[in-house]
Amino acid sequence: MISPKKYHKTVKIPPNGFKSINEFFNHVFKDKEMIWMGQNTNHLNDHNEIKEAMIEFIKSNEYCKYPPPEGFPELQELILKDLGLKNGFESLITAGGTESLYLTMHSYIELGDSIITSDPGYLIIENFARRFGAKVTSVHIYNKECSYKLTPKLARDNIDKKTKIISLIDPLNPLGSSYTKDEIKEFAEIAEEKDLYLLHDVTYRDFAKKHYLAAKYAPERTLTIYSFSKICGMAGLRIGGIITVPEMMEPLKAVIINDLGTNALSQIGAIKALKTKKKWIKRVRERTYKNQKIIKKAVDEVEGTFIPVYPSNANMMAIDIYDTGVSPDDLTEYLLKRKIFVRQGSYTSRFYGNRYIRLSFSIPKEQVKIFAENFIDLMGFLRS
């Protein structure tokens, strides 16, 4: 019998009462009453123009055709314009930011290379890197001294001769920490000095008060990961991209997964999203920011809990409950019973998962209030 290949993958344990992770997600997806705070998705996206554009596309029957393999040129140009990177850059359309990360690891990691990531962080990046033979140095950043982020100093301290990539999730999933212009400039200097690449995942950039692109300071060293899942509220449509200079784009094009093109319907929606973004982004950002205040007020009422990064520069945050003695696993399970879906810390950290829960808040105000009330109530119940 032929033995299947074995790849590194984080073990995902389903909550009590579910046989598998897929069964669990199918359950929460189909439950119309579930308050969705577990996947950093944006539910403030009542952008009718986006929906109408996709409906018209379906009516036209054009979805019967394959789209261009690298994406519709109009969408490629709109992404570059959105980032302010139009001159000298290219964009490649992918089936979401996660595919962009996979293609990047596939193209730029060779057996024996090293990559620097952070813990907490987006563990899928580490899994992909290990899959292609990299050694992962996961820097512990869950502390005030480094402002809960991978600083240029920490990066320098962990670089070795084999380091190929520094991964910057900016703003950081799960904490919401972000970078100053000077910090991004220093990372660019490190990349040039040490002959390595910056993987700059800017999935949550539109929620940040201020945001700076590494590509503007180290264009020939930066791979920018772009997503429509969050600010545009298009998570289920799976659409994103990679942005870099032409020379660095060539290896990525060579390993394209969707060789017959990324979902055409999703691309039509993405085009309309970028064309109408100025009409709705302020409203989404303001509601998201105000929702943080509701959560902060509830956390302040529960002794022994705190928010490591406040205000968050993303649409998600962590709530540290370690000093209460309450397990994040227990809290998430009890919240789920009350139809509130959040994630335990182990989803985004191998070392600090027993300290916090992660929740997103780009949802209606009324739902945030329900979470706040239940958080206070359940923390009192579980402590006793």
Protein backbone atom coordinates (compact mmCIF):
# COMPACT_ATOMS: atom_id res chain seq x y z
CA MET A 1 0.00 0.00 0.00
CA ILE A 2 1.29 3.48 -0.89
CA SER A 3 1.87 5.65 2.18
CA PRO A 4 0.37 9.14 1.88
CA LYS A 5 2.58 12.18 2.40
CA LYS A 6 2.53 13.60 5.89
CA TYR A 7 2.48 17.38 6.34
CA HIS A 8 2.86 19.47 9.47
CA LYS A 9 -0.52 20.69 10.64
CA THR A 10 -1.82 22.12 13.87
CA VAL A 11 -4.08 19.65 15.62
CA LYS A 12 -7.56 21.12 15.86
CA ILE A 13 -9.69 19.60 18.58
CA PRO A 14 -13.45 20.07 18.13
CA PRO A 15 -15.52 21.35 21.09
CA ASN A 16 -17.40 18.86 23.21
CA GLY A 17 -20.34 17.32 21.38
CA PHE A 18 -18.77 17.45 17.89
CA LYS A 19 -16.98 14.61 16.10
CA SER A 20 -14.82 16.84 13.92
CA ILE A 21 -13.84 20.46 13.29
CA ASN A 22 -15.81 20.38 10.04
CA GLU A 23 -18.95 19.24 11.86
CA PHE A 24 -18.47 22.04 14.38
CA PHE A 25 -18.07 24.76 11.75
CA ASN A 26 -21.03 23.44 9.79
CA HIS A 27 -23.08 23.76 12.97
CA VAL A 28 -22.11 27.36 13.73
CA PHE A 29 -22.40 28.34 10.05
CA LYS A 30 -25.98 27.08 9.77
CA ASP A 31 -27.16 28.47 13.10
CA LYS A 32 -28.81 31.75 12.06
CA GLU A 33 -28.93 32.96 15.67
CA MET A 34 -25.20 32.52 16.27
CA ILE A 35 -23.28 35.71 17.06
CA TRP A 36 -20.19 35.35 14.90
CA MET A 37 -17.11 36.63 16.77
CA GLY A 38 -14.77 33.69 16.20
CA GLN A 39 -13.24 34.28 12.77
CA ASN A 40 -12.57 38.04 12.52
CA THR A 41 -15.21 38.33 9.82
CA ASN A 42 -16.99 41.59 9.06
CA HIS A 43 -20.79 41.57 9.38
CA LEU A 44 -21.32 45.30 8.87
CA ASN A 45 -21.18 44.93 5.11
CA ASP A 46 -24.65 45.92 3.93
CA HIS A 47 -23.10 47.20 0.69
CA ASN A 48 -25.93 46.69 -1.79
CA GLU A 49 -23.87 47.74 -4.79
CA ILE A 50 -21.50 44.81 -4.24
CA LYS A 51 -24.35 42.33 -4.02
CA GLU A 52 -26.07 43.78 -7.08
CA ALA A 53 -22.89 43.57 -9.16
CA MET A 54 -22.56 39.86 -8.36
CA ILE A 55 -26.25 39.19 -9.02
CA GLU A 56 -26.03 40.85 -12.44
CA PHE A 57 -22.94 38.78 -13.22
CA ILE A 58 -24.82 35.57 -12.39
CA LYS A 59 -27.77 36.64 -14.54
CA SER A 60 -25.43 37.22 -17.48
CA ASN A 61 -24.27 33.57 -17.39
CA GLU A 62 -20.66 34.76 -17.69
CA TYR A 63 -19.71 32.50 -14.80
CA CYS A 64 -19.72 29.69 -17.38
CA LYS A 65 -16.33 30.95 -18.59
CA TYR A 66 -12.91 30.66 -16.96
CA PRO A 67 -11.46 34.02 -15.88
CA PRO A 68 -7.83 35.06 -16.63
CA PRO A 69 -5.38 32.85 -14.67
CA GLU A 70 -3.73 35.77 -12.83
CA GLY A 71 -6.94 37.73 -12.26
CA PHE A 72 -8.96 40.34 -14.10
CA PRO A 73 -6.58 43.22 -14.97
CA GLU A 74 -9.13 45.72 -13.66
CA LEU A 75 -9.04 44.10 -10.22
CA GLN A 76 -5.24 43.88 -10.26
CA GLU A 77 -5.02 47.62 -10.94
CA LEU A 78 -7.63 48.51 -8.32
CA ILE A 79 -5.68 46.65 -5.62
CA LEU A 80 -2.49 48.52 -6.47
CA LYS A 81 -4.39 51.81 -6.41
CA ASP A 82 -5.96 50.93 -3.05
CA LEU A 83 -2.50 50.37 -1.58
CA GLY A 84 -0.90 53.33 -3.32
CA LEU A 85 1.65 51.01 -4.97
CA LYS A 86 0.65 51.48 -8.60
CA ASN A 87 4.04 52.26 -10.17
CA GLY A 88 6.52 49.39 -10.39
CA PHE A 89 4.35 46.76 -8.69
CA GLU A 90 2.19 43.84 -9.80
CA SER A 91 -0.68 42.03 -8.12
CA LEU A 92 -1.67 38.39 -8.42
CA ILE A 93 -5.27 37.44 -7.61
CA THR A 94 -5.70 34.45 -5.29
CA ALA A 95 -8.47 32.56 -3.51
CA GLY A 96 -7.98 34.52 -0.30
CA GLY A 97 -5.06 35.61 1.87
CA THR A 98 -4.42 32.04 3.02
CA GLU A 99 -3.71 30.88 -0.52
CA SER A 100 -1.44 33.90 -0.92
CA LEU A 101 0.54 32.75 2.12
CA TYR A 102 0.78 29.21 0.76
CA LEU A 103 2.05 30.39 -2.63
CA THR A 104 4.61 32.60 -0.94
CA MET A 105 6.00 29.77 1.17
CA HIS A 106 5.98 27.44 -1.84
CA SER A 107 7.89 29.96 -3.94
CA TYR A 108 10.40 31.35 -1.46
CA ILE A 109 11.12 28.64 1.11
CA GLU A 110 13.66 25.91 0.42
CA LEU A 111 14.72 22.99 2.59
CA GLY A 112 16.92 24.29 5.41
CA ASP A 113 15.75 27.91 5.31
CA SER A 114 14.58 29.69 8.46
CA ILE A 115 11.59 31.95 8.96
CA ILE A 116 10.87 34.28 11.88
CA THR A 117 7.27 34.51 13.12
CA SER A 118 5.63 35.60 16.36
CA ASP A 119 3.68 33.83 19.06
CA PRO A 120 0.83 34.71 19.35
CA GLY A 121 0.29 34.87 15.61
CA TYR A 122 -1.37 33.24 12.62
CA LEU A 123 -0.17 29.65 13.00
CA ILE A 124 -1.03 28.68 9.43
CA ILE A 125 2.06 30.61 8.28
CA GLU A 126 4.25 28.38 10.42
CA ASN A 127 2.52 25.26 9.15
CA PHE A 128 3.09 26.23 5.51
CA ALA A 129 6.73 27.11 6.17
CA ARG A 130 7.42 23.76 7.83
CA ARG A 131 5.64 21.98 4.98
CA PHE A 132 8.33 23.25 2.60
CA GLY A 133 11.21 22.41 4.90
CA ALA A 134 11.80 25.57 6.89
CA LYS A 135 12.91 25.91 10.47
CA VAL A 136 10.48 28.21 12.27
CA THR A 137 11.68 30.60 14.96
CA SER A 138 8.53 31.69 16.75
CA VAL A 139 9.42 34.71 18.88
CA HIS A 140 7.46 35.12 22.11
CA ILE A 141 5.84 38.56 22.02
CA TYR A 142 3.10 38.29 24.65
CA ASN A 143 4.46 40.99 26.96
CA LYS A 144 4.35 44.76 27.53
CA GLU A 145 8.09 45.21 26.97
CA CYS A 146 7.76 44.63 23.22
CA SER A 147 4.26 46.14 23.04
CA TYR A 148 2.87 42.71 22.13
CA LYS A 149 4.50 42.60 18.68
CA LEU A 150 7.60 41.40 16.86
CA THR A 151 9.90 44.43 17.11
CA PRO A 152 12.89 45.10 14.83
CA LYS A 153 15.17 44.39 17.82
CA LEU A 154 13.56 41.01 18.46
CA ALA A 155 13.88 40.19 14.78
CA ARG A 156 17.59 41.09 14.78
CA ASP A 157 18.15 39.00 17.91
CA ASN A 158 16.67 35.93 16.20
CA ILE A 159 18.14 36.19 12.70
CA ASP A 160 20.64 33.51 11.74
CA LYS A 161 22.54 32.72 8.56
CA LYS A 162 19.63 30.66 7.22
CA THR A 163 16.89 33.24 7.81
CA LYS A 164 14.98 33.78 4.59
CA ILE A 165 11.77 35.51 5.68
CA ILE A 166 10.51 37.70 8.51
CA SER A 167 6.74 37.41 8.83
CA LEU A 168 4.86 40.54 9.88
CA ILE A 169 1.11 40.24 10.43
CA ASP A 170 0.17 43.89 10.63
CA PRO A 171 -2.14 44.52 12.45
CA LEU A 172 -1.49 41.30 14.34
CA ASN A 173 -4.01 38.50 14.57
CA PRO A 174 -4.99 37.93 17.44
CA LEU A 175 -3.93 40.99 19.46
CA GLY A 176 -4.45 43.95 17.14
CA SER A 177 -0.97 45.41 17.64
CA SER A 178 0.51 47.34 14.71
CA TYR A 179 3.66 49.17 13.59
CA THR A 180 4.88 52.74 13.44
CA LYS A 181 6.46 54.19 10.31
CA ASP A 182 9.91 54.09 11.95
CA GLU A 183 9.50 50.41 12.82
CA ILE A 184 8.48 49.50 9.27
CA LYS A 185 11.45 51.48 7.93
CA GLU A 186 13.78 49.57 10.24
CA PHE A 187 12.38 46.24 9.09
CA ALA A 188 13.05 47.39 5.53
CA GLU A 189 16.64 48.19 6.50
CA ILE A 190 17.02 44.76 8.10
CA ALA A 191 15.77 43.07 4.93
CA GLU A 192 18.31 44.92 2.79
CA GLU A 193 21.15 44.46 5.26
CA LYS A 194 20.56 40.75 5.92
CA ASP A 195 19.50 39.81 2.37
CA LEU A 196 16.10 38.42 3.35
CA TYR A 197 12.40 38.97 2.58
CA LEU A 198 9.54 40.58 4.47
CA LEU A 199 6.19 38.82 4.37
CA HIS A 200 3.83 41.71 5.16
CA ASP A 201 0.31 40.40 5.78
CA VAL A 202 -1.91 43.51 5.76
CA THR A 203 -5.27 41.72 5.95
CA TYR A 204 -6.53 44.03 8.73
CA ARG A 205 -4.90 47.30 7.61
CA ASP A 206 -8.16 49.14 6.93
CA PHE A 207 -9.21 48.90 10.58
CA ALA A 208 -6.03 50.59 11.82
CA LYS A 209 -5.86 54.28 12.72
CA LYS A 210 -2.60 54.48 10.77
CA HIS A 211 -0.82 51.92 8.66
CA TYR A 212 2.48 51.82 6.77
CA LEU A 213 3.50 49.49 3.96
CA ALA A 214 6.90 47.83 4.01
CA ALA A 215 6.72 47.66 0.21
CA LYS A 216 7.20 51.43 0.04
CA TYR A 217 10.56 51.17 1.81
CA ALA A 218 11.85 47.80 0.59
CA PRO A 219 9.97 47.11 -2.67
CA GLU A 220 12.34 44.40 -3.89
CA ARG A 221 12.29 42.63 -0.53
CA THR A 222 8.58 42.67 0.33
CA LEU A 223 5.69 40.33 -0.42
CA THR A 224 2.43 42.02 0.57
CA ILE A 225 -0.52 39.76 1.39
CA TYR A 226 -3.93 41.28 0.61
CA SER A 227 -7.44 40.11 1.49
CA PHE A 228 -11.07 41.03 0.81
CA SER A 229 -12.30 38.85 3.67
CA LYS A 230 -12.29 41.45 6.42
CA ILE A 231 -13.01 45.10 5.62
CA CYS A 232 -15.04 44.14 2.53
CA GLY A 233 -16.94 41.40 4.38
CA MET A 234 -16.27 38.83 1.65
CA ALA A 235 -14.76 35.98 3.72
CA GLY A 236 -16.97 33.27 2.24
CA LEU A 237 -16.16 34.35 -1.32
CA ARG A 238 -12.43 33.58 -0.84
CA ILE A 239 -10.67 36.36 -2.71
CA GLY A 240 -7.30 38.03 -2.07
CA GLY A 241 -3.95 38.71 -3.64
CA ILE A 242 -0.17 39.05 -3.48
CA ILE A 243 1.58 42.30 -4.37
CA THR A 244 5.27 42.64 -5.20
CA VAL A 245 7.64 43.82 -7.93
CA PRO A 246 7.72 41.95 -11.28
CA GLU A 247 10.98 40.10 -10.62
CA MET A 248 9.67 38.69 -7.33
CA MET A 249 6.30 37.88 -8.87
CA GLU A 250 7.70 35.41 -11.42
CA PRO A 251 8.27 32.52 -8.95
CA LEU A 252 4.74 33.03 -7.61
CA LYS A 253 3.18 32.79 -11.05
CA ALA A 254 5.05 29.52 -11.59
CA VAL A 255 3.24 27.81 -8.70
CA ILE A 256 -0.29 29.19 -9.17
CA ILE A 257 -2.84 26.74 -7.76
CA ASN A 258 -5.87 28.05 -9.66
CA ASP A 259 -4.30 27.81 -13.10
CA LEU A 260 -7.71 28.39 -14.70
CA GLY A 261 -8.38 31.49 -12.68
CA THR A 262 -9.78 32.49 -9.30
CA ASN A 263 -13.57 32.52 -8.79
CA ALA A 264 -14.96 35.01 -11.33
CA LEU A 265 -18.00 35.93 -9.21
CA SER A 266 -15.74 36.79 -6.28
CA GLN A 267 -13.60 38.98 -8.50
CA ILE A 268 -16.64 40.89 -9.75
CA GLY A 269 -17.67 41.54 -6.15
CA ALA A 270 -14.12 42.60 -5.26
CA ILE A 271 -13.99 45.06 -8.15
CA LYS A 272 -17.21 46.71 -7.01
CA ALA A 273 -16.02 46.68 -3.38
CA LEU A 274 -12.91 48.69 -4.24
CA LYS A 275 -14.83 51.06 -6.49
CA THR A 276 -17.35 51.83 -3.72
CA LYS A 277 -15.02 51.59 -0.71
CA LYS A 278 -14.98 55.33 0.02
CA LYS A 279 -18.77 55.28 0.45
CA TRP A 280 -18.87 52.76 3.29
CA ILE A 281 -15.46 52.32 4.90
CA LYS A 282 -15.85 55.19 7.40
CA ARG A 283 -19.09 53.75 8.72
CA VAL A 284 -17.61 50.27 9.16
CA ARG A 285 -14.49 51.61 10.88
CA GLU A 286 -16.42 53.86 13.26
CA ARG A 287 -18.87 51.15 14.31
CA THR A 288 -16.01 48.70 14.83
CA TYR A 289 -14.09 51.17 16.97
CA LYS A 290 -17.14 52.00 19.09
CA ASN A 291 -17.79 48.28 19.62
CA GLN A 292 -14.36 47.99 21.27
CA LYS A 293 -15.46 50.43 23.96
CA ILE A 294 -18.45 48.28 24.87
CA ILE A 295 -16.19 45.25 25.29
CA LYS A 296 -13.58 47.23 27.25
CA LYS A 297 -16.23 48.41 29.71
CA ALA A 298 -17.33 44.81 30.35
CA VAL A 299 -13.75 43.60 30.79
CA ASP A 300 -13.05 46.37 33.31
CA GLU A 301 -15.93 45.06 35.42
CA VAL A 302 -14.39 41.60 35.76
CA GLU A 303 -11.50 41.52 38.21
CA GLY A 304 -8.41 39.72 36.95
CA THR A 305 -9.13 40.26 33.25
CA PHE A 306 -7.56 42.74 30.84
CA ILE A 307 -7.13 43.52 27.15
CA PRO A 308 -3.40 43.34 26.22
CA VAL A 309 -3.69 45.76 23.26
CA TYR A 310 -6.30 48.50 23.57
CA PRO A 311 -7.49 50.02 21.42
CA SER A 312 -6.90 47.28 18.89
CA ASN A 313 -5.79 48.35 15.42
CA ALA A 314 -7.77 45.49 13.90
CA ASN A 315 -11.33 44.18 14.18
CA MET A 316 -10.32 41.64 16.81
CA MET A 317 -8.71 41.58 20.25
CA ALA A 318 -7.62 39.23 23.00
CA ILE A 319 -9.05 39.21 26.51
CA ASP A 320 -6.63 37.81 29.07
CA ILE A 321 -8.46 35.82 31.76
CA TYR A 322 -5.50 33.89 33.20
CA ASP A 323 -5.55 35.47 36.69
CA THR A 324 -9.19 34.52 37.18
CA GLY A 325 -8.39 30.81 37.04
CA VAL A 326 -11.02 30.34 34.32
CA SER A 327 -9.96 28.24 31.33
CA PRO A 328 -10.33 29.83 27.86
CA ASP A 329 -11.64 26.46 26.65
CA ASP A 330 -14.40 26.46 29.26
CA LEU A 331 -15.36 30.07 28.60
CA THR A 332 -15.59 29.58 24.83
CA GLU A 333 -17.67 26.44 25.32
CA TYR A 334 -20.15 28.16 27.65
CA LEU A 335 -20.40 31.17 25.33
CA LEU A 336 -21.13 28.80 22.45
CA LYS A 337 -24.02 27.32 24.42
CA ARG A 338 -25.40 30.87 24.54
CA LYS A 339 -24.92 31.17 20.78
CA ILE A 340 -21.81 33.37 20.92
CA PHE A 341 -18.87 32.05 18.89
CA VAL A 342 -15.37 33.15 20.02
CA ARG A 343 -11.99 31.36 19.93
CA GLN A 344 -9.76 30.06 22.71
CA GLY A 345 -6.15 31.27 22.77
CA SER A 346 -4.69 27.96 21.59
CA TYR A 347 -5.98 28.70 18.09
CA THR A 348 -3.39 31.46 17.70
CA SER A 349 -0.68 30.53 20.21
CA ARG A 350 1.30 27.43 21.09
CA PHE A 351 2.66 29.00 24.29
CA TYR A 352 0.02 31.43 25.62
CA GLY A 353 -3.21 29.74 24.60
CA ASN A 354 -4.16 29.13 28.22
CA ARG A 355 -4.26 32.88 28.90
CA TYR A 356 -6.83 34.44 26.60
CA ILE A 357 -9.82 34.27 24.32
CA ARG A 358 -9.87 36.01 20.94
CA LEU A 359 -12.96 37.70 19.59
CA SER A 360 -13.83 39.95 16.66
CA PHE A 361 -16.27 42.83 16.86
CA SER A 362 -17.10 44.07 13.36
CA ILE A 363 -20.68 43.07 14.06
CA PRO A 364 -23.85 45.00 14.96
CA LYS A 365 -23.80 46.95 18.23
CA GLU A 366 -26.67 44.92 19.71
CA GLN A 367 -24.69 41.68 19.33
CA VAL A 368 -21.63 43.19 21.02
CA LYS A 369 -23.81 44.18 23.96
CA ILE A 370 -25.07 40.59 24.23
CA PHE A 371 -21.48 39.36 24.36
CA ALA A 372 -20.56 41.92 27.03
CA GLU A 373 -23.46 40.92 29.27
CA ASN A 374 -22.73 37.21 28.89
CA PHE A 375 -18.99 37.67 29.45
CA ILE A 376 -19.61 39.33 32.81
CA ASP A 377 -22.21 36.74 33.79
CA LEU A 378 -20.22 33.67 32.74
CA MET A 379 -16.97 34.84 34.29
CA GLY A 380 -18.78 35.21 37.61
CA PHE A 381 -20.34 31.77 37.21
CA LEU A 382 -17.14 29.96 36.14
CA ARG A 383 -15.03 31.52 38.90
CA SER A 384 -17.42 30.30 41.55
